[in-house]
Amino acid sequence: MTLLRPVRPLRPVRPLRRDLYAAVAAALLVAAAVLVGRYVYTYDDLIVGWPPLLGRWDPHAGPGTPAAVLVAAATVAYGPAVAARLPWRALLPAAWGASMAWIWSLALIDGWRTGVAGRLTTRNEYLTVIDRWHDIPATLRDFTAHILIHSPDNWPAHVAGHPPAATLTFVLLDRIGLGGGGWAGAWCITAGAAGCVAVLVTVRALAGEHGEHLARRAAPFLVLAPAAVWLGTSADAYFAAVAAWAVALLALTVTGRSLWWALGSGLLFGLTCFLSYGLTLVAVIAAAVLLLGRRGVRQRPVLFVPLLAGAAVVPVAFTAAGFDWWEAYHLLVTRYYEGAAGVRPYGYWVWANLACTVLITGLATAAGLRRTGSVLARRRDDTVSDETVRLAILVAAGLLALLVADLSGMSKAETERIWLPFALWLLPSCAFLPHPRAWLATQATLPLLLNHLVATGW
């Protein structure tokens, strides 16, 4: 009699394999965006030199090359261990310093002039109009009259495309003696690097003491973010940091810290909306913070008083000075479609924008987002901890804000720069990944390749 051997059940696909599938899918999305952009569309269709990125193919090296390789290697080798062992108060400045080292070294691959000092002085940038702000109140009153392309003395693209607080920042830097592209670039890099600290503070505050390990695991990924290619040097790095700290101070408030943090959060939220129209979507991330901190909100509903009072300061000041945010926004929409956006096809950019997101967040983040979805799907499972669910909700809010921006049609290309404030909130998903050094290596390799092979610009 022949005995039948029992059939062994098929082993489920391991989570690590699924992570790799997610990373491969993200890489294929980028490849599709490159191939379709180059062989289906023309430059006159997309108006970008190296689709989906605004740039051109230009293999090169520079003075920042050795430093970038050294920072990458050191962070990959020692970053996870250092982040796990440093006292929390020491970790935050260490992360800020390491992030600045990474951004500076990548920027200097293009050299001081091209990579830093000249970035904000090109014809579409803020520094070209400094001499038109001799009378700040009068300029604010007249700001909307120069937004449309056919208006007299129209503003350059980036000035017209943002509320006046963006340009006014560089005007004030010039007034205190920090004029020129070098100082402006240093300001943006220094501020932009601080964004990673704000994200760490937020994650730790919302996940609680038992969730601090998630912030520590995320720290090296925030430091080695591929977004560093565009954090140095663009004004959007500065915008990203202001928005991130607005969220961080709100997270500190709802978890029981001083109500003064609520006032500071409100001030920064108000400023954020007057730095970039699109950053009103940071409200989605703020809503997630209020949801996660709802116990603290119920215990101290009075926190809304300083929060709303602070949020009103910047809008009231600009409105009193004669600037109408809503009128300017509607004029901007018209200006947007008078320019490149009127030509660029929505059918390509609505998904190619997401390929740009892969390039600023990395393949590890694609795997981390897969794990984020898994955590949310199993949030009622006893094996899933509360702190991981909280982090997953925060990351999901950042992703939702980004997707809304994408579907709006007001983000056709250049999202590798425009979406920096949202990209910062996707990176903490890497805290869910095992084998951090291997994933960190992929994160470091991507920006090194990009900055050595493509001349990015805007």
Protein backbone atom coordinates (compact mmCIF):
# COMPACT_ATOMS: atom_id res chain seq x y z
CA MET A 1 0.00 0.00 0.00
CA THR A 2 1.44 3.32 -1.08
CA LEU A 3 1.33 6.02 1.53
CA LEU A 4 0.53 9.46 0.23
CA ARG A 5 2.97 12.10 1.41
CA PRO A 6 1.06 15.00 2.94
CA VAL A 7 1.13 18.14 0.87
CA ARG A 8 3.01 20.96 2.61
CA PRO A 9 1.15 24.26 2.59
CA LEU A 10 2.66 26.95 0.46
CA ARG A 11 4.71 29.39 2.48
CA PRO A 12 3.37 32.90 2.36
CA VAL A 13 5.47 35.54 0.65
CA ARG A 14 7.73 37.03 3.27
CA PRO A 15 7.37 40.70 4.15
CA LEU A 16 10.93 41.36 2.97
CA ARG A 17 10.08 40.02 -0.46
CA ARG A 18 7.06 42.30 -0.60
CA ASP A 19 9.28 45.22 0.33
CA LEU A 20 11.50 44.38 -2.63
CA TYR A 21 8.46 44.15 -4.89
CA ALA A 22 7.41 47.65 -3.78
CA ALA A 23 10.91 49.02 -4.42
CA VAL A 24 11.05 47.39 -7.86
CA ALA A 25 7.59 48.76 -8.72
CA ALA A 26 8.77 52.25 -7.74
CA ALA A 27 11.89 51.87 -9.89
CA LEU A 28 9.75 50.73 -12.84
CA LEU A 29 7.51 53.78 -12.38
CA VAL A 30 10.58 56.03 -12.70
CA ALA A 31 11.79 54.08 -15.74
CA ALA A 32 8.37 54.42 -17.38
CA ALA A 33 8.32 58.18 -16.71
CA VAL A 34 11.78 58.54 -18.27
CA LEU A 35 11.02 56.43 -21.35
CA VAL A 36 7.57 57.88 -22.02
CA GLY A 37 8.86 61.38 -21.40
CA ARG A 38 11.74 60.93 -23.85
CA TYR A 39 10.14 58.88 -26.62
CA VAL A 40 6.40 59.66 -26.55
CA TYR A 41 6.55 63.37 -25.77
CA THR A 42 8.86 66.13 -26.92
CA TYR A 43 10.51 68.95 -24.99
CA ASP A 44 7.84 71.32 -26.31
CA ASP A 45 5.18 69.07 -24.73
CA LEU A 46 6.75 68.65 -21.28
CA ILE A 47 9.11 71.64 -21.06
CA VAL A 48 11.63 69.75 -18.95
CA GLY A 49 15.10 68.78 -20.11
CA TRP A 50 15.37 65.31 -18.57
CA PRO A 51 11.84 64.02 -17.90
CA PRO A 52 10.42 63.65 -15.38
CA LEU A 53 13.01 65.97 -13.78
CA LEU A 54 13.64 69.59 -14.61
CA GLY A 55 17.28 69.31 -15.59
CA ARG A 56 19.59 67.97 -18.27
CA TRP A 57 21.91 64.98 -18.72
CA ASP A 58 25.35 66.20 -17.64
CA PRO A 59 27.76 63.69 -16.05
CA HIS A 60 30.12 65.63 -13.82
CA ALA A 61 31.93 65.71 -10.48
CA GLY A 62 32.95 68.58 -8.25
CA PRO A 63 34.48 69.67 -4.95
CA GLY A 64 31.56 68.19 -3.02
CA THR A 65 32.05 64.69 -4.43
CA PRO A 66 34.52 63.33 -1.81
CA ALA A 67 32.56 64.85 1.07
CA ALA A 68 29.25 63.45 -0.23
CA VAL A 69 30.70 59.94 -0.53
CA LEU A 70 32.22 60.20 2.96
CA VAL A 71 28.98 61.46 4.58
CA ALA A 72 26.99 58.73 2.85
CA ALA A 73 29.39 55.95 3.85
CA ALA A 74 29.61 57.12 7.48
CA THR A 75 25.85 57.44 7.85
CA VAL A 76 25.19 54.04 6.31
CA ALA A 77 27.83 52.36 8.48
CA TYR A 78 27.22 54.11 11.79
CA GLY A 79 23.96 56.03 11.49
CA PRO A 80 21.56 53.40 12.88
CA ALA A 81 23.81 52.58 15.85
CA VAL A 82 24.50 56.22 16.70
CA ALA A 83 20.80 57.11 16.42
CA ALA A 84 19.92 54.25 18.75
CA ARG A 85 22.46 55.19 21.45
CA LEU A 86 22.71 58.96 21.55
CA PRO A 87 20.70 60.75 24.25
CA TRP A 88 17.59 62.25 22.66
CA ARG A 89 18.69 65.85 23.20
CA ALA A 90 22.00 65.11 21.53
CA LEU A 91 20.38 63.21 18.65
CA LEU A 92 18.42 66.23 17.41
CA PRO A 93 21.39 68.58 16.80
CA ALA A 94 23.40 65.63 15.49
CA ALA A 95 20.70 64.89 12.93
CA TRP A 96 20.54 68.56 11.95
CA GLY A 97 24.32 68.73 11.54
CA ALA A 98 24.50 65.49 9.55
CA SER A 99 21.65 66.61 7.33
CA MET A 100 23.41 69.91 6.64
CA ALA A 101 26.63 68.05 5.82
CA TRP A 102 24.74 65.84 3.35
CA ILE A 103 22.90 68.75 1.68
CA TRP A 104 26.02 70.96 1.46
CA SER A 105 28.19 68.21 0.04
CA LEU A 106 25.62 67.31 -2.63
CA ALA A 107 25.14 70.97 -3.56
CA LEU A 108 28.88 71.48 -3.89
CA ILE A 109 29.16 68.67 -6.43
CA ASP A 110 28.00 71.42 -8.81
CA GLY A 111 30.48 73.89 -7.30
CA TRP A 112 29.90 76.96 -5.14
CA ARG A 113 28.52 79.19 -7.87
CA THR A 114 26.28 76.73 -9.70
CA GLY A 115 25.30 74.63 -6.69
CA VAL A 116 24.69 77.33 -4.07
CA ALA A 117 25.36 81.01 -4.77
CA GLY A 118 23.79 81.14 -8.22
CA ARG A 119 20.67 79.09 -7.58
CA LEU A 120 18.45 81.91 -6.32
CA THR A 121 19.78 84.57 -8.68
CA THR A 122 18.54 83.18 -12.01
CA ARG A 123 15.88 85.04 -13.97
CA ASN A 124 12.91 83.22 -12.42
CA GLU A 125 14.12 83.52 -8.83
CA TYR A 126 13.54 85.80 -5.85
CA LEU A 127 16.80 87.71 -5.70
CA THR A 128 16.26 89.29 -9.12
CA VAL A 129 13.55 91.59 -7.70
CA ILE A 130 15.19 92.74 -4.46
CA ASP A 131 15.68 96.24 -5.83
CA ARG A 132 11.93 96.59 -6.44
CA TRP A 133 11.19 96.38 -2.69
CA HIS A 134 12.55 99.75 -1.54
CA ASP A 135 9.10 100.60 -0.14
CA ILE A 136 7.80 97.35 1.34
CA PRO A 137 4.21 98.50 2.18
CA ALA A 138 3.78 100.01 -1.31
CA THR A 139 5.14 96.85 -2.95
CA LEU A 140 2.73 94.67 -0.97
CA ARG A 141 -0.22 96.84 -1.99
CA ASP A 142 0.83 96.59 -5.63
CA PHE A 143 1.93 92.94 -5.56
CA THR A 144 -1.10 91.43 -7.33
CA ALA A 145 -0.88 93.94 -10.18
CA HIS A 146 2.25 92.19 -11.48
CA ILE A 147 1.28 88.51 -11.24
CA LEU A 148 -0.15 87.92 -14.73
CA ILE A 149 2.32 87.44 -17.58
CA HIS A 150 0.90 90.34 -19.59
CA SER A 151 0.80 92.75 -16.65
CA PRO A 152 3.32 95.62 -16.61
CA ASP A 153 6.67 94.64 -15.05
CA ASN A 154 5.35 91.16 -14.29
CA TRP A 155 7.04 89.27 -11.50
CA PRO A 156 9.40 86.38 -12.37
CA ALA A 157 7.81 82.93 -12.22
CA HIS A 158 8.74 82.02 -8.65
CA VAL A 159 7.88 85.45 -7.25
CA ALA A 160 4.50 85.46 -8.99
CA GLY A 161 3.89 81.85 -7.99
CA HIS A 162 4.14 82.46 -4.25
CA PRO A 163 2.64 84.85 -1.71
CA PRO A 164 4.95 87.78 -0.90
CA ALA A 165 6.33 86.37 2.37
CA ALA A 166 8.61 84.19 0.25
CA THR A 167 10.26 87.12 -1.51
CA LEU A 168 10.07 89.32 1.58
CA THR A 169 12.27 86.84 3.45
CA PHE A 170 15.14 87.49 1.05
CA VAL A 171 14.46 91.21 1.05
CA LEU A 172 14.83 91.25 4.85
CA LEU A 173 18.01 89.16 4.67
CA ASP A 174 19.39 91.75 2.27
CA ARG A 175 18.36 94.57 4.62
CA ILE A 176 20.32 93.10 7.52
CA GLY A 177 23.46 92.71 5.43
CA LEU A 178 23.04 89.12 4.27
CA GLY A 179 22.43 89.93 0.63
CA GLY A 180 23.37 87.91 -2.42
CA GLY A 181 22.99 84.33 -3.56
CA GLY A 182 25.53 82.88 -1.13
CA TRP A 183 23.72 84.05 1.98
CA ALA A 184 20.31 83.17 0.51
CA GLY A 185 21.55 79.67 -0.33
CA ALA A 186 23.04 79.20 3.14
CA TRP A 187 19.75 80.33 4.68
CA CYS A 188 17.74 77.79 2.68
CA ILE A 189 20.14 74.92 3.39
CA THR A 190 20.35 75.65 7.12
CA ALA A 191 16.59 75.97 7.45
CA GLY A 192 15.86 73.02 5.17
CA ALA A 193 18.10 70.70 7.20
CA ALA A 194 16.14 71.62 10.32
CA GLY A 195 13.05 70.06 8.76
CA CYS A 196 14.30 66.56 9.61
CA VAL A 197 14.54 67.56 13.28
CA ALA A 198 10.94 68.77 13.24
CA VAL A 199 9.78 65.43 11.85
CA LEU A 200 11.72 63.53 14.55
CA VAL A 201 10.18 65.72 17.28
CA THR A 202 6.71 65.08 15.86
CA VAL A 203 7.13 61.32 15.61
CA ARG A 204 8.44 61.04 19.16
CA ALA A 205 5.72 63.31 20.59
CA LEU A 206 2.84 61.48 18.92
CA ALA A 207 4.14 57.94 19.32
CA GLY A 208 4.91 58.44 23.00
CA GLU A 209 7.90 57.35 25.04
CA HIS A 210 7.53 53.76 23.86
CA GLY A 211 7.58 55.01 20.28
CA GLU A 212 10.84 56.91 20.57
CA HIS A 213 12.62 53.96 18.99
CA LEU A 214 10.63 54.61 15.80
CA ALA A 215 11.93 58.17 15.63
CA ARG A 216 15.46 56.88 16.23
CA ARG A 217 15.08 54.31 13.45
CA ALA A 218 13.79 57.00 11.10
CA ALA A 219 16.59 59.48 11.87
CA PRO A 220 19.29 58.14 9.47
CA PHE A 221 16.74 57.98 6.64
CA LEU A 222 15.74 61.60 7.23
CA VAL A 223 19.41 62.59 7.24
CA LEU A 224 20.23 60.75 3.98
CA ALA A 225 17.03 61.78 2.20
CA PRO A 226 17.44 61.90 -1.60
CA ALA A 227 15.45 65.14 -1.33
CA ALA A 228 18.73 66.71 -0.23
CA VAL A 229 19.55 67.21 -3.93
CA TRP A 230 16.78 69.84 -4.03
CA LEU A 231 16.99 71.01 -0.43
CA GLY A 232 20.28 72.54 -1.57
CA THR A 233 19.53 75.03 -2.84
CA SER A 234 15.88 76.06 -3.24
CA ALA A 235 13.52 78.28 -1.30
CA ASP A 236 11.19 75.28 -0.99
CA ALA A 237 13.67 73.82 1.51
CA TYR A 238 12.96 76.83 3.73
CA PHE A 239 9.20 76.47 3.17
CA ALA A 240 9.39 72.77 4.07
CA ALA A 241 11.13 73.51 7.37
CA VAL A 242 8.62 76.20 8.39
CA ALA A 243 5.71 73.85 7.64
CA ALA A 244 7.38 70.94 9.45
CA TRP A 245 8.01 73.00 12.59
CA ALA A 246 4.41 74.23 12.55
CA VAL A 247 3.33 70.58 12.72
CA ALA A 248 5.97 69.70 15.31
CA LEU A 249 4.94 72.48 17.70
CA LEU A 250 1.31 71.43 17.32
CA ALA A 251 2.30 67.84 18.18
CA LEU A 252 4.09 69.08 21.32
CA THR A 253 0.99 71.07 22.32
CA VAL A 254 -1.52 68.24 21.97
CA THR A 255 0.73 65.91 23.97
CA GLY A 256 0.69 68.14 27.03
CA ARG A 257 3.45 70.69 26.55
CA SER A 258 3.09 74.41 27.19
CA LEU A 259 0.36 76.34 25.40
CA TRP A 260 3.10 78.66 24.16
CA TRP A 261 3.92 75.93 21.66
CA ALA A 262 0.37 76.33 20.29
CA LEU A 263 0.98 80.03 19.73
CA GLY A 264 4.25 79.26 17.93
CA SER A 265 2.56 76.58 15.85
CA GLY A 266 -0.16 79.00 14.80
CA LEU A 267 2.37 81.66 13.84
CA LEU A 268 4.25 79.19 11.66
CA PHE A 269 1.06 77.84 10.06
CA GLY A 270 0.08 81.39 9.15
CA LEU A 271 3.54 82.06 7.74
CA THR A 272 3.44 78.77 5.80
CA CYS A 273 0.30 79.87 3.93
CA PHE A 274 2.00 83.13 2.98
CA LEU A 275 5.13 81.36 1.75
CA SER A 276 3.36 79.00 -0.65
CA TYR A 277 -0.28 78.71 -1.72
CA GLY A 278 -0.02 74.95 -2.07
CA LEU A 279 1.13 74.50 1.52
CA THR A 280 -2.40 75.10 2.76
CA LEU A 281 -2.51 71.30 2.28
CA VAL A 282 -0.31 70.97 5.36
CA ALA A 283 -3.68 71.28 7.11
CA VAL A 284 -4.18 67.58 6.25
CA ILE A 285 -1.10 66.66 8.30
CA ALA A 286 -2.16 69.03 11.09
CA ALA A 287 -5.56 67.30 11.16
CA ALA A 288 -3.80 63.96 11.64
CA VAL A 289 -1.86 65.45 14.56
CA LEU A 290 -5.11 66.63 16.17
CA LEU A 291 -6.63 63.20 15.61
CA LEU A 292 -3.68 61.40 17.18
CA GLY A 293 -3.59 63.90 20.06
CA ARG A 294 -7.36 64.03 20.56
CA ARG A 295 -7.08 63.03 24.21
CA GLY A 296 -4.92 66.06 24.90
CA VAL A 297 -7.27 68.24 22.84
CA ARG A 298 -10.26 67.10 24.90
CA GLN A 299 -8.39 67.76 28.12
CA ARG A 300 -7.25 71.23 27.03
CA PRO A 301 -9.57 72.62 24.35
CA VAL A 302 -8.25 76.04 25.32
CA LEU A 303 -5.19 75.28 23.17
CA PHE A 304 -7.20 76.41 20.15
CA VAL A 305 -7.17 79.97 21.49
CA PRO A 306 -3.41 80.55 21.17
CA LEU A 307 -3.28 78.32 18.09
CA LEU A 308 -5.87 80.36 16.17
CA ALA A 309 -4.56 83.65 17.55
CA GLY A 310 -1.08 82.81 16.31
CA ALA A 311 -2.41 81.63 12.95
CA ALA A 312 -4.12 84.99 12.44
CA VAL A 313 -1.03 87.16 12.96
CA VAL A 314 0.65 86.81 9.54
CA PRO A 315 -2.59 86.90 7.48
CA VAL A 316 -3.82 89.98 9.36
CA ALA A 317 -0.48 91.74 8.95
CA PHE A 318 -0.32 91.15 5.19
CA THR A 319 -3.99 91.99 4.69
CA ALA A 320 -3.57 95.22 6.65
CA ALA A 321 -0.59 96.04 4.44
CA GLY A 322 -2.83 95.73 1.38
CA PHE A 323 -2.14 92.21 0.08
CA ASP A 324 -5.23 90.11 -0.80
CA TRP A 325 -4.31 86.41 -0.57
CA TRP A 326 -7.45 85.15 -2.34
CA GLU A 327 -7.20 87.62 -5.20
CA ALA A 328 -3.52 86.76 -5.64
CA TYR A 329 -4.28 83.02 -5.65
CA HIS A 330 -6.88 83.34 -8.40
CA LEU A 331 -4.51 85.47 -10.45
CA LEU A 332 -1.80 82.86 -9.90
CA VAL A 333 -4.05 80.12 -11.32
CA THR A 334 -4.48 82.25 -14.44
CA ARG A 335 -0.71 82.90 -14.60
CA TYR A 336 0.00 79.20 -14.10
CA TYR A 337 -2.01 78.22 -17.17
CA GLU A 338 -0.64 81.15 -19.18
CA GLY A 339 2.77 79.55 -18.83
CA ALA A 340 4.14 76.01 -19.02
CA ALA A 341 1.17 74.44 -17.24
CA GLY A 342 -1.05 75.37 -20.15
CA VAL A 343 1.10 73.12 -22.35
CA ARG A 344 2.22 70.30 -20.07
CA PRO A 345 -0.18 67.32 -20.40
CA TYR A 346 -2.06 66.36 -17.24
CA GLY A 347 -2.27 62.75 -18.46
CA TYR A 348 1.50 62.39 -18.18
CA TRP A 349 2.26 64.48 -15.12
CA VAL A 350 -0.48 63.05 -12.93
CA TRP A 351 1.58 59.87 -12.67
CA ALA A 352 5.04 61.13 -13.61
CA ASN A 353 4.85 63.46 -10.60
CA LEU A 354 4.78 60.31 -8.49
CA ALA A 355 7.94 59.13 -10.23
CA CYS A 356 9.53 62.40 -9.12
CA THR A 357 8.36 61.57 -5.60
CA VAL A 358 10.23 58.27 -5.78
CA LEU A 359 13.36 60.20 -6.74
CA ILE A 360 13.11 62.56 -3.75
CA THR A 361 12.13 59.93 -1.19
CA GLY A 362 13.99 56.84 -2.45
CA LEU A 363 13.23 53.18 -2.98
CA ALA A 364 13.39 52.53 0.76
CA THR A 365 10.44 54.87 1.25
CA ALA A 366 8.45 52.94 -1.34
CA ALA A 367 9.03 49.82 0.76
CA GLY A 368 8.25 51.78 3.92
CA LEU A 369 4.95 52.96 2.46
CA ARG A 370 4.06 49.35 1.71
CA ARG A 371 4.67 48.53 5.36
CA THR A 372 2.65 51.59 6.36
CA GLY A 373 -0.31 50.26 4.42
CA SER A 374 0.13 46.87 6.04
CA VAL A 375 0.13 48.42 9.53
CA LEU A 376 -3.06 50.35 8.80
CA ALA A 377 -4.74 47.27 7.35
CA ARG A 378 -3.90 45.29 10.51
CA ARG A 379 -4.38 48.11 13.02
CA ARG A 380 -6.92 46.13 15.03
CA ASP A 381 -4.62 43.14 15.27
CA ASP A 382 -3.18 42.58 18.74
CA THR A 383 0.26 42.04 17.22
CA VAL A 384 0.38 45.63 15.91
CA SER A 385 1.50 48.16 18.52
CA ASP A 386 -0.25 51.46 19.09
CA GLU A 387 2.87 53.48 18.33
CA THR A 388 3.32 51.88 14.90
CA VAL A 389 -0.31 52.64 14.05
CA ARG A 390 0.20 56.26 15.11
CA LEU A 391 3.26 56.62 12.91
CA ALA A 392 1.43 54.98 10.02
CA ILE A 393 -1.44 57.48 10.33
CA LEU A 394 0.99 60.40 10.30
CA VAL A 395 2.75 59.07 7.19
CA ALA A 396 -0.59 58.38 5.51
CA ALA A 397 -1.62 62.01 6.11
CA GLY A 398 1.53 63.22 4.38
CA LEU A 399 0.82 60.90 1.45
CA LEU A 400 -2.80 62.09 1.26
CA ALA A 401 -1.72 65.74 1.11
CA LEU A 402 0.69 64.88 -1.69
CA LEU A 403 -1.97 62.99 -3.68
CA VAL A 404 -4.43 65.88 -3.36
CA ALA A 405 -1.75 68.21 -4.69
CA ASP A 406 -1.16 65.81 -7.55
CA LEU A 407 -4.80 65.44 -8.56
CA SER A 408 -5.41 69.19 -8.34
CA GLY A 409 -3.57 69.81 -11.61
CA MET A 410 -1.63 72.65 -10.00
CA SER A 411 1.49 70.46 -9.87
CA LYS A 412 2.57 69.71 -13.42
CA ALA A 413 6.29 68.95 -13.17
CA GLU A 414 8.96 70.41 -10.87
CA THR A 415 7.41 68.46 -8.00
CA GLU A 416 10.87 67.24 -6.99
CA ARG A 417 11.19 70.76 -5.57
CA ILE A 418 7.57 71.78 -4.94
CA TRP A 419 6.69 68.68 -2.92
CA LEU A 420 9.64 68.78 -0.51
CA PRO A 421 7.31 69.81 2.39
CA PHE A 422 5.22 66.66 1.84
CA ALA A 423 8.14 64.33 1.11
CA LEU A 424 9.57 64.88 4.60
CA TRP A 425 6.52 63.15 6.09
CA LEU A 426 6.88 60.03 3.93
CA LEU A 427 10.46 59.31 5.01
CA PRO A 428 9.60 58.17 8.60
CA SER A 429 7.90 55.13 7.06
CA CYS A 430 11.42 53.73 6.69
CA ALA A 431 11.38 53.15 10.46
CA PHE A 432 9.29 50.05 9.73
CA LEU A 433 12.01 48.44 7.61
CA PRO A 434 14.37 45.71 8.80
CA HIS A 435 18.02 45.73 7.72
CA PRO A 436 18.32 49.54 7.84
CA ARG A 437 21.90 49.67 6.57
CA ALA A 438 21.00 47.93 3.31
CA TRP A 439 18.10 50.28 2.71
CA LEU A 440 20.19 53.29 3.71
CA ALA A 441 22.73 52.30 1.08
CA THR A 442 20.02 52.49 -1.60
CA GLN A 443 18.94 55.88 -0.25
CA ALA A 444 22.47 57.25 -0.43
CA THR A 445 23.24 55.82 -3.87
CA LEU A 446 20.26 57.44 -5.57
CA PRO A 447 21.11 61.12 -4.86
CA LEU A 448 24.81 60.48 -5.50
CA LEU A 449 23.95 59.17 -8.96
CA LEU A 450 21.43 61.91 -9.65
CA ASN A 451 23.69 64.78 -8.70
CA HIS A 452 26.64 63.38 -10.65
CA LEU A 453 24.69 62.48 -13.81
CA VAL A 454 21.98 65.15 -14.07
CA ALA A 455 22.32 68.93 -13.79
CA THR A 456 19.21 69.80 -11.84
CA GLY A 457 17.80 73.30 -11.99
CA TRP A 458 14.71 75.46 -12.10
